[in-house]
Amino acid sequence: MIVTVFRHRLNPDTRDEYAALLTRIVELSKTIPGYVSQKRFTADDGERVTIVEFATEEGQRAWATHPDHVAAMRLGHEKLYTDFKVQVCDVRRTARKTG
């Protein structure tokens, strides 16, 4: 399992543009083989966190290098985000309780 953790703060002037772009990128990620899940959270201080899981490194790499995703990242870096941090992580162990 490969987990991408994307932390960012949104430029307040670009909320509508960000929302439209986010919808497209979420739908794109679901089409990539190996996609598992994606969740987003917003902290009290305004930082946003997105966690994306792929079953394989190949799937994560295909998503990270997809031309539409690359263009979205470029727009984010140049215009949408005031700051950001991306971490791509290998999951070494999973513990879980369900029900």
N, C-alpha and C. Protein backbone atom coordinates (compact mmCIF):
# COMPACT_ATOMS: atom_id res chain seq x y z
N MET A 1 0.85 -1.17 0.00
CA MET A 1 0.00 0.00 0.00
C MET A 1 0.89 1.24 0.00
N ILE A 2 0.54 2.19 -0.85
CA ILE A 2 1.25 3.47 -0.93
C ILE A 2 0.25 4.56 -0.54
N VAL A 3 0.65 5.41 0.38
CA VAL A 3 -0.22 6.50 0.86
C VAL A 3 0.44 7.83 0.52
N THR A 4 -0.33 8.69 -0.12
CA THR A 4 0.13 10.05 -0.38
C THR A 4 -0.61 10.98 0.57
N VAL A 5 0.15 11.77 1.32
CA VAL A 5 -0.41 12.75 2.23
C VAL A 5 -0.10 14.13 1.66
N PHE A 6 -1.15 14.86 1.34
CA PHE A 6 -1.00 16.17 0.73
C PHE A 6 -1.59 17.21 1.68
N ARG A 7 -0.72 18.07 2.21
CA ARG A 7 -1.14 19.13 3.14
C ARG A 7 -1.00 20.46 2.42
N HIS A 8 -2.01 21.31 2.56
CA HIS A 8 -1.94 22.61 1.90
C HIS A 8 -2.88 23.62 2.54
N ARG A 9 -2.60 24.86 2.21
CA ARG A 9 -3.50 25.96 2.58
C ARG A 9 -3.94 26.60 1.27
N LEU A 10 -5.22 26.86 1.20
CA LEU A 10 -5.81 27.35 -0.02
C LEU A 10 -5.76 28.87 -0.09
N ASN A 11 -5.41 29.39 -1.26
CA ASN A 11 -5.52 30.82 -1.52
C ASN A 11 -7.00 31.17 -1.48
N PRO A 12 -7.45 32.03 -0.59
CA PRO A 12 -8.89 32.29 -0.44
C PRO A 12 -9.56 32.83 -1.70
N ASP A 13 -8.80 33.45 -2.58
CA ASP A 13 -9.38 34.00 -3.80
C ASP A 13 -9.66 32.95 -4.86
N THR A 14 -9.26 31.70 -4.61
CA THR A 14 -9.39 30.67 -5.64
C THR A 14 -10.29 29.51 -5.23
N ARG A 15 -11.16 29.72 -4.25
CA ARG A 15 -11.98 28.62 -3.73
C ARG A 15 -12.84 27.94 -4.81
N ASP A 16 -13.50 28.72 -5.66
CA ASP A 16 -14.37 28.13 -6.68
C ASP A 16 -13.55 27.35 -7.71
N GLU A 17 -12.45 27.93 -8.13
CA GLU A 17 -11.57 27.25 -9.10
C GLU A 17 -11.03 25.95 -8.50
N TYR A 18 -10.64 26.01 -7.23
CA TYR A 18 -10.14 24.82 -6.54
C TYR A 18 -11.21 23.74 -6.48
N ALA A 19 -12.43 24.10 -6.12
CA ALA A 19 -13.52 23.13 -5.99
C ALA A 19 -13.77 22.40 -7.31
N ALA A 20 -13.78 23.13 -8.40
CA ALA A 20 -14.00 22.51 -9.71
C ALA A 20 -12.85 21.58 -10.07
N LEU A 21 -11.63 22.01 -9.81
CA LEU A 21 -10.46 21.20 -10.11
C LEU A 21 -10.44 19.95 -9.25
N LEU A 22 -10.76 20.09 -7.98
CA LEU A 22 -10.77 18.96 -7.05
C LEU A 22 -11.73 17.87 -7.54
N THR A 23 -12.90 18.27 -7.98
CA THR A 23 -13.88 17.31 -8.48
C THR A 23 -13.30 16.50 -9.63
N ARG A 24 -12.65 17.18 -10.57
CA ARG A 24 -12.06 16.49 -11.72
C ARG A 24 -10.94 15.53 -11.30
N ILE A 25 -10.09 15.97 -10.40
CA ILE A 25 -8.94 15.15 -10.00
C ILE A 25 -9.38 13.95 -9.16
N VAL A 26 -10.39 14.11 -8.32
CA VAL A 26 -10.91 12.98 -7.56
C VAL A 26 -11.46 11.92 -8.51
N GLU A 27 -12.23 12.35 -9.49
CA GLU A 27 -12.78 11.40 -10.46
C GLU A 27 -11.66 10.72 -11.26
N LEU A 28 -10.65 11.46 -11.62
CA LEU A 28 -9.51 10.89 -12.33
C LEU A 28 -8.83 9.82 -11.49
N SER A 29 -8.59 10.11 -10.23
CA SER A 29 -7.87 9.16 -9.38
C SER A 29 -8.61 7.83 -9.29
N LYS A 30 -9.92 7.86 -9.30
CA LYS A 30 -10.71 6.63 -9.21
C LYS A 30 -10.57 5.75 -10.44
N THR A 31 -10.10 6.29 -11.55
CA THR A 31 -9.95 5.51 -12.78
C THR A 31 -8.59 4.83 -12.88
N ILE A 32 -7.68 5.16 -12.01
CA ILE A 32 -6.31 4.62 -12.08
C ILE A 32 -6.30 3.23 -11.43
N PRO A 33 -5.79 2.21 -12.13
CA PRO A 33 -5.70 0.87 -11.53
C PRO A 33 -4.91 0.91 -10.21
N GLY A 34 -5.45 0.25 -9.21
CA GLY A 34 -4.80 0.21 -7.90
C GLY A 34 -5.33 1.24 -6.92
N TYR A 35 -6.21 2.14 -7.39
CA TYR A 35 -6.79 3.15 -6.50
C TYR A 35 -7.56 2.44 -5.38
N VAL A 36 -7.38 2.90 -4.15
CA VAL A 36 -8.08 2.32 -3.00
C VAL A 36 -9.06 3.32 -2.41
N SER A 37 -8.56 4.50 -2.02
CA SER A 37 -9.45 5.47 -1.38
C SER A 37 -8.82 6.85 -1.36
N GLN A 38 -9.66 7.82 -1.00
CA GLN A 38 -9.21 9.21 -0.88
C GLN A 38 -10.11 9.90 0.13
N LYS A 39 -9.50 10.62 1.06
CA LYS A 39 -10.26 11.38 2.07
C LYS A 39 -9.61 12.73 2.26
N ARG A 40 -10.43 13.71 2.59
CA ARG A 40 -9.97 15.07 2.82
C ARG A 40 -10.48 15.57 4.16
N PHE A 41 -9.63 16.35 4.81
CA PHE A 41 -9.96 16.94 6.11
C PHE A 41 -9.48 18.38 6.13
N THR A 42 -10.16 19.22 6.90
CA THR A 42 -9.70 20.59 7.10
C THR A 42 -9.54 20.82 8.59
N ALA A 43 -8.36 21.26 8.99
CA ALA A 43 -8.07 21.53 10.40
C ALA A 43 -8.66 22.87 10.81
N ASP A 44 -8.76 23.07 12.10
CA ASP A 44 -9.29 24.33 12.63
C ASP A 44 -8.49 25.55 12.16
N ASP A 45 -7.19 25.35 11.91
CA ASP A 45 -6.35 26.48 11.49
C ASP A 45 -6.38 26.71 9.98
N GLY A 46 -7.22 25.95 9.25
CA GLY A 46 -7.37 26.15 7.81
C GLY A 46 -6.53 25.24 6.95
N GLU A 47 -5.58 24.51 7.56
CA GLU A 47 -4.80 23.58 6.76
C GLU A 47 -5.70 22.45 6.28
N ARG A 48 -5.54 22.08 5.00
CA ARG A 48 -6.30 20.97 4.41
C ARG A 48 -5.36 19.79 4.24
N VAL A 49 -5.90 18.60 4.48
CA VAL A 49 -5.11 17.38 4.34
C VAL A 49 -5.90 16.40 3.47
N THR A 50 -5.24 15.88 2.45
CA THR A 50 -5.82 14.84 1.61
C THR A 50 -4.95 13.60 1.74
N ILE A 51 -5.59 12.47 1.96
CA ILE A 51 -4.90 11.19 2.06
C ILE A 51 -5.41 10.31 0.92
N VAL A 52 -4.49 9.87 0.06
CA VAL A 52 -4.85 9.04 -1.08
C VAL A 52 -4.10 7.71 -0.96
N GLU A 53 -4.83 6.61 -1.09
CA GLU A 53 -4.24 5.28 -0.99
C GLU A 53 -4.29 4.56 -2.34
N PHE A 54 -3.16 3.95 -2.68
CA PHE A 54 -3.08 3.08 -3.85
C PHE A 54 -2.52 1.73 -3.39
N ALA A 55 -2.99 0.66 -4.01
CA ALA A 55 -2.54 -0.68 -3.64
C ALA A 55 -1.09 -0.91 -4.02
N THR A 56 -0.64 -0.22 -5.08
CA THR A 56 0.72 -0.45 -5.58
C THR A 56 1.43 0.86 -5.87
N GLU A 57 2.74 0.77 -5.88
CA GLU A 57 3.54 1.94 -6.24
C GLU A 57 3.29 2.33 -7.70
N GLU A 58 3.07 1.35 -8.56
CA GLU A 58 2.80 1.63 -9.98
C GLU A 58 1.53 2.46 -10.14
N GLY A 59 0.50 2.12 -9.37
CA GLY A 59 -0.74 2.88 -9.43
C GLY A 59 -0.53 4.31 -8.95
N GLN A 60 0.17 4.47 -7.85
CA GLN A 60 0.43 5.81 -7.33
C GLN A 60 1.23 6.61 -8.33
N ARG A 61 2.23 5.99 -8.95
CA ARG A 61 3.07 6.68 -9.93
C ARG A 61 2.26 7.08 -11.16
N ALA A 62 1.35 6.18 -11.61
CA ALA A 62 0.51 6.49 -12.77
C ALA A 62 -0.39 7.68 -12.47
N TRP A 63 -0.89 7.76 -11.26
CA TRP A 63 -1.73 8.90 -10.85
C TRP A 63 -0.89 10.18 -10.75
N ALA A 64 0.28 10.07 -10.13
CA ALA A 64 1.13 11.25 -9.92
C ALA A 64 1.64 11.82 -11.23
N THR A 65 1.79 10.97 -12.25
CA THR A 65 2.35 11.44 -13.52
C THR A 65 1.31 11.59 -14.62
N HIS A 66 0.05 11.35 -14.30
CA HIS A 66 -1.01 11.52 -15.31
C HIS A 66 -1.01 12.99 -15.77
N PRO A 67 -1.06 13.25 -17.07
CA PRO A 67 -0.96 14.64 -17.56
C PRO A 67 -1.99 15.60 -16.95
N ASP A 68 -3.21 15.14 -16.73
CA ASP A 68 -4.21 16.03 -16.11
C ASP A 68 -3.86 16.35 -14.66
N HIS A 69 -3.33 15.35 -13.96
CA HIS A 69 -2.94 15.57 -12.57
C HIS A 69 -1.71 16.48 -12.49
N VAL A 70 -0.77 16.28 -13.40
CA VAL A 70 0.42 17.14 -13.44
C VAL A 70 0.01 18.60 -13.69
N ALA A 71 -0.91 18.82 -14.62
CA ALA A 71 -1.39 20.17 -14.90
C ALA A 71 -2.09 20.76 -13.67
N ALA A 72 -2.87 19.94 -12.97
CA ALA A 72 -3.56 20.41 -11.76
C ALA A 72 -2.56 20.78 -10.67
N MET A 73 -1.53 19.94 -10.52
CA MET A 73 -0.51 20.26 -9.51
C MET A 73 0.20 21.57 -9.84
N ARG A 74 0.50 21.76 -11.11
CA ARG A 74 1.16 23.01 -11.53
C ARG A 74 0.28 24.22 -11.18
N LEU A 75 -1.00 24.13 -11.50
CA LEU A 75 -1.93 25.23 -11.18
C LEU A 75 -1.99 25.45 -9.67
N GLY A 76 -2.01 24.37 -8.92
CA GLY A 76 -2.03 24.50 -7.47
C GLY A 76 -0.80 25.21 -6.95
N HIS A 77 0.36 24.80 -7.42
CA HIS A 77 1.62 25.40 -6.97
C HIS A 77 1.70 26.88 -7.34
N GLU A 78 1.24 27.21 -8.54
CA GLU A 78 1.37 28.58 -9.04
C GLU A 78 0.29 29.53 -8.53
N LYS A 79 -0.91 29.00 -8.23
CA LYS A 79 -2.03 29.89 -7.99
C LYS A 79 -2.93 29.51 -6.80
N LEU A 80 -3.25 28.24 -6.65
CA LEU A 80 -4.30 27.84 -5.72
C LEU A 80 -3.86 27.76 -4.26
N TYR A 81 -2.60 27.40 -4.02
CA TYR A 81 -2.13 27.15 -2.66
C TYR A 81 -1.17 28.23 -2.20
N THR A 82 -1.32 28.63 -0.94
CA THR A 82 -0.35 29.56 -0.36
C THR A 82 0.88 28.79 0.12
N ASP A 83 0.68 27.52 0.51
CA ASP A 83 1.78 26.62 0.84
C ASP A 83 1.28 25.19 0.73
N PHE A 84 2.21 24.26 0.59
CA PHE A 84 1.82 22.85 0.49
C PHE A 84 2.99 21.96 0.84
N LYS A 85 2.68 20.70 1.14
CA LYS A 85 3.68 19.67 1.42
C LYS A 85 3.09 18.34 0.97
N VAL A 86 3.88 17.55 0.24
CA VAL A 86 3.45 16.24 -0.21
C VAL A 86 4.40 15.19 0.35
N GLN A 87 3.83 14.12 0.90
CA GLN A 87 4.62 13.00 1.38
C GLN A 87 4.05 11.72 0.76
N VAL A 88 4.90 10.92 0.16
CA VAL A 88 4.50 9.63 -0.39
C VAL A 88 5.13 8.56 0.50
N CYS A 89 4.29 7.69 1.06
CA CYS A 89 4.73 6.78 2.11
C CYS A 89 4.40 5.32 1.77
N ASP A 90 5.29 4.41 2.13
CA ASP A 90 5.02 2.97 2.08
C ASP A 90 4.38 2.58 3.41
N VAL A 91 3.31 1.85 3.35
CA VAL A 91 2.68 1.35 4.57
C VAL A 91 3.40 0.08 4.98
N ARG A 92 3.90 0.08 6.19
CA ARG A 92 4.66 -1.08 6.68
C ARG A 92 3.78 -2.03 7.48
N ARG A 93 2.77 -1.50 8.11
CA ARG A 93 1.91 -2.34 8.94
C ARG A 93 0.56 -1.66 9.03
N THR A 94 -0.49 -2.45 9.09
CA THR A 94 -1.85 -1.93 9.26
C THR A 94 -2.51 -2.69 10.41
N ALA A 95 -3.07 -1.99 11.34
CA ALA A 95 -3.89 -2.58 12.39
C ALA A 95 -5.28 -1.99 12.22
N ARG A 96 -6.30 -2.81 12.47
CA ARG A 96 -7.64 -2.32 12.14
C ARG A 96 -8.67 -2.99 13.03
N LYS A 97 -9.69 -2.23 13.38
CA LYS A 97 -10.86 -2.76 14.05
C LYS A 97 -12.07 -2.28 13.28
N THR A 98 -12.95 -3.14 12.92
CA THR A 98 -14.18 -2.76 12.22
C THR A 98 -15.38 -3.25 13.02
N GLY A 99 -16.49 -2.56 12.82
CA GLY A 99 -17.73 -3.00 13.47
C GLY A 99 -17.86 -2.47 14.79
